[in-house]
N, C-alpha and C. Protein backbone atom coordinates (compact mmCIF):
# COMPACT_ATOMS: atom_id res chain seq x y z
N MET A 1 51.72 68.18 22.34
CA MET A 1 52.62 67.27 23.31
C MET A 1 54.20 67.13 22.62
N HIS A 2 54.87 66.90 23.49
CA HIS A 2 56.20 66.57 22.99
C HIS A 2 56.35 65.06 23.10
N TRP A 3 56.27 64.46 22.03
CA TRP A 3 56.28 63.05 21.89
C TRP A 3 57.96 62.45 22.08
N LYS A 4 58.66 63.21 21.69
CA LYS A 4 59.95 62.69 21.61
C LYS A 4 60.55 62.58 23.24
N LYS A 5 59.99 63.63 23.92
CA LYS A 5 60.54 63.87 25.28
C LYS A 5 59.66 62.45 25.95
N TYR A 6 58.42 62.47 25.64
CA TYR A 6 57.72 61.55 26.37
C TYR A 6 58.33 60.24 26.53
N PHE A 7 58.84 59.94 25.16
CA PHE A 7 59.08 58.47 24.84
C PHE A 7 60.46 58.20 25.48
N ILE A 8 61.52 59.07 25.51
CA ILE A 8 62.73 59.25 26.24
C ILE A 8 62.52 58.90 27.62
N LEU A 9 61.59 59.42 28.25
CA LEU A 9 61.35 59.47 29.79
C LEU A 9 60.63 58.25 30.15
N LEU A 10 60.00 57.52 29.00
CA LEU A 10 59.21 56.45 29.10
C LEU A 10 60.22 55.29 29.28
N ALA A 11 61.25 55.34 28.35
CA ALA A 11 62.20 54.33 27.95
C ALA A 11 63.09 54.31 29.56
N PHE A 12 63.21 54.98 30.31
CA PHE A 12 63.99 55.07 31.54
C PHE A 12 63.03 54.71 32.67
N PHE A 13 61.80 55.01 32.72
CA PHE A 13 60.48 54.58 33.54
C PHE A 13 60.14 53.15 33.55
N ILE A 14 59.97 52.73 32.45
CA ILE A 14 59.33 51.17 32.39
C ILE A 14 60.12 50.23 33.21
N PRO A 15 61.49 50.24 32.85
CA PRO A 15 62.30 49.48 33.71
C PRO A 15 62.30 49.57 34.97
N ILE A 16 62.22 50.84 35.49
CA ILE A 16 62.07 51.15 37.04
C ILE A 16 60.69 50.60 37.47
N VAL A 17 59.87 50.72 36.79
CA VAL A 17 58.42 49.92 37.11
C VAL A 17 58.36 48.31 37.13
N ILE A 18 59.29 47.89 36.25
CA ILE A 18 59.29 46.37 36.23
C ILE A 18 60.19 45.89 37.31
N ILE A 19 61.18 46.85 37.81
CA ILE A 19 62.06 46.25 38.97
C ILE A 19 61.13 46.56 40.00
N ILE A 20 60.26 47.38 40.40
CA ILE A 20 59.48 47.87 41.48
C ILE A 20 58.59 46.63 41.32
N ALA A 21 57.88 46.35 40.42
CA ALA A 21 56.82 45.19 40.49
C ALA A 21 57.19 43.95 41.04
N ASN A 22 58.64 43.67 40.83
CA ASN A 22 59.39 42.18 40.80
C ASN A 22 59.93 42.19 42.49
N PHE A 23 60.46 43.36 42.94
CA PHE A 23 61.40 43.06 44.07
C PHE A 23 60.61 43.61 45.18
N LEU A 24 59.91 44.42 45.23
CA LEU A 24 59.26 45.39 46.28
C LEU A 24 58.17 44.38 47.00
N PRO A 25 58.09 44.47 48.24
CA PRO A 25 56.80 43.82 48.98
C PRO A 25 55.57 44.46 48.38
N GLU A 26 54.05 43.76 48.58
CA GLU A 26 53.12 44.00 48.10
C GLU A 26 52.50 45.44 48.84
N GLY A 27 52.86 45.54 50.06
CA GLY A 27 52.36 46.90 50.72
C GLY A 27 53.14 48.25 50.15
N ILE A 28 54.21 48.03 49.73
CA ILE A 28 55.33 49.13 49.45
C ILE A 28 55.13 49.39 48.02
N GLN A 29 54.85 48.23 47.26
CA GLN A 29 54.63 48.51 45.54
C GLN A 29 53.43 49.49 45.13
N THR A 30 52.31 49.75 45.83
CA THR A 30 51.48 50.66 45.45
C THR A 30 52.14 52.06 45.54
N PHE A 31 52.68 52.30 46.72
CA PHE A 31 53.41 53.64 46.81
C PHE A 31 54.58 53.89 45.90
N ALA A 32 55.19 52.76 45.63
CA ALA A 32 56.42 52.99 44.81
C ALA A 32 55.60 53.41 43.41
N PHE A 33 55.00 52.69 42.84
CA PHE A 33 54.20 52.82 41.60
C PHE A 33 53.50 54.38 41.45
N MET A 34 53.13 54.85 42.43
CA MET A 34 52.47 56.29 42.68
C MET A 34 53.63 57.22 42.50
N PHE A 35 54.61 56.75 43.13
CA PHE A 35 56.00 57.82 43.17
C PHE A 35 56.62 57.77 41.83
N ALA A 36 56.58 56.47 41.11
CA ALA A 36 57.31 56.51 39.94
C ALA A 36 56.30 57.20 38.71
N ILE A 37 54.95 57.13 39.33
CA ILE A 37 54.12 57.76 37.94
C ILE A 37 54.17 59.42 38.36
N ILE A 38 54.33 59.77 39.54
CA ILE A 38 54.10 61.21 39.71
C ILE A 38 55.57 61.79 39.35
N GLY A 39 56.68 60.92 39.68
CA GLY A 39 58.00 61.49 39.34
C GLY A 39 58.32 61.63 37.74
N TYR A 40 57.37 60.53 37.03
CA TYR A 40 57.76 60.86 35.65
C TYR A 40 56.96 62.00 35.15
N PHE A 41 55.89 62.40 35.33
CA PHE A 41 55.26 63.59 35.13
C PHE A 41 55.89 64.85 35.48
N VAL A 42 56.35 64.64 36.65
CA VAL A 42 57.18 65.95 37.31
C VAL A 42 58.39 66.13 36.44
N LEU A 43 58.93 65.13 36.13
CA LEU A 43 60.34 65.32 35.12
C LEU A 43 59.93 65.88 33.78
N TYR A 44 58.73 65.25 33.22
CA TYR A 44 58.45 65.33 31.70
C TYR A 44 57.95 67.02 31.77
N TYR A 45 57.19 67.48 32.75
CA TYR A 45 56.95 68.92 32.71
C TYR A 45 57.80 69.87 32.99
N LYS A 46 58.81 69.46 33.87
CA LYS A 46 59.71 70.38 34.24
C LYS A 46 60.76 70.30 32.68
N TRP A 47 60.98 69.45 32.33
CA TRP A 47 61.71 69.54 31.02
C TRP A 47 61.14 70.28 29.91
N ILE A 48 59.73 70.37 30.02
CA ILE A 48 59.23 71.16 28.82
C ILE A 48 59.46 72.70 29.31
N HIS A 49 59.18 72.73 30.59
CA HIS A 49 59.29 74.20 31.28
C HIS A 49 60.39 74.71 30.96
N MET A 50 61.53 73.95 31.21
CA MET A 50 62.95 74.67 31.20
C MET A 50 63.20 74.78 29.72
N GLU A 51 62.77 73.77 28.81
CA GLU A 51 62.69 74.40 27.43
C GLU A 51 62.20 75.67 27.00
N ASN A 52 60.97 75.78 27.60
CA ASN A 52 60.27 77.06 27.10
C ASN A 52 60.95 78.36 27.62
N LYS A 53 61.43 78.16 28.90
CA LYS A 53 62.13 79.26 29.45
C LYS A 53 63.48 79.56 28.78
N LYS A 54 64.14 78.56 28.20
CA LYS A 54 65.28 78.80 27.44
C LYS A 54 64.89 79.47 26.17
N LYS A 55 63.93 79.00 25.38
CA LYS A 55 63.31 79.72 24.19
C LYS A 55 63.04 81.31 24.45
N GLU A 56 62.36 81.65 25.67
CA GLU A 56 62.15 82.87 26.03
C GLU A 56 63.47 83.77 26.19
N GLN A 57 64.28 83.05 26.69
CA GLN A 57 65.48 83.94 27.14
C GLN A 57 66.46 84.18 25.75
N ASN A 58 66.22 83.47 24.72
CA ASN A 58 66.89 83.42 23.65
C ASN A 58 66.10 84.54 22.75
N ASN A 59 65.07 84.89 22.78
CA ASN A 59 64.33 85.45 21.92
C ASN A 59 64.21 86.90 22.63
């Protein structure tokens, strides 16, 4: 697991989740939380994929 990447992205998504929790209405909050969680992991795995692809091109 790439802990550094994990925590870098986490530092950006925690404030987003806090903002979502405080400012969105109840019905939309659930979908916004799901979107934020899915977006977080999509970005995380995309970052890892891009890094692995770059390593393959260099070798």
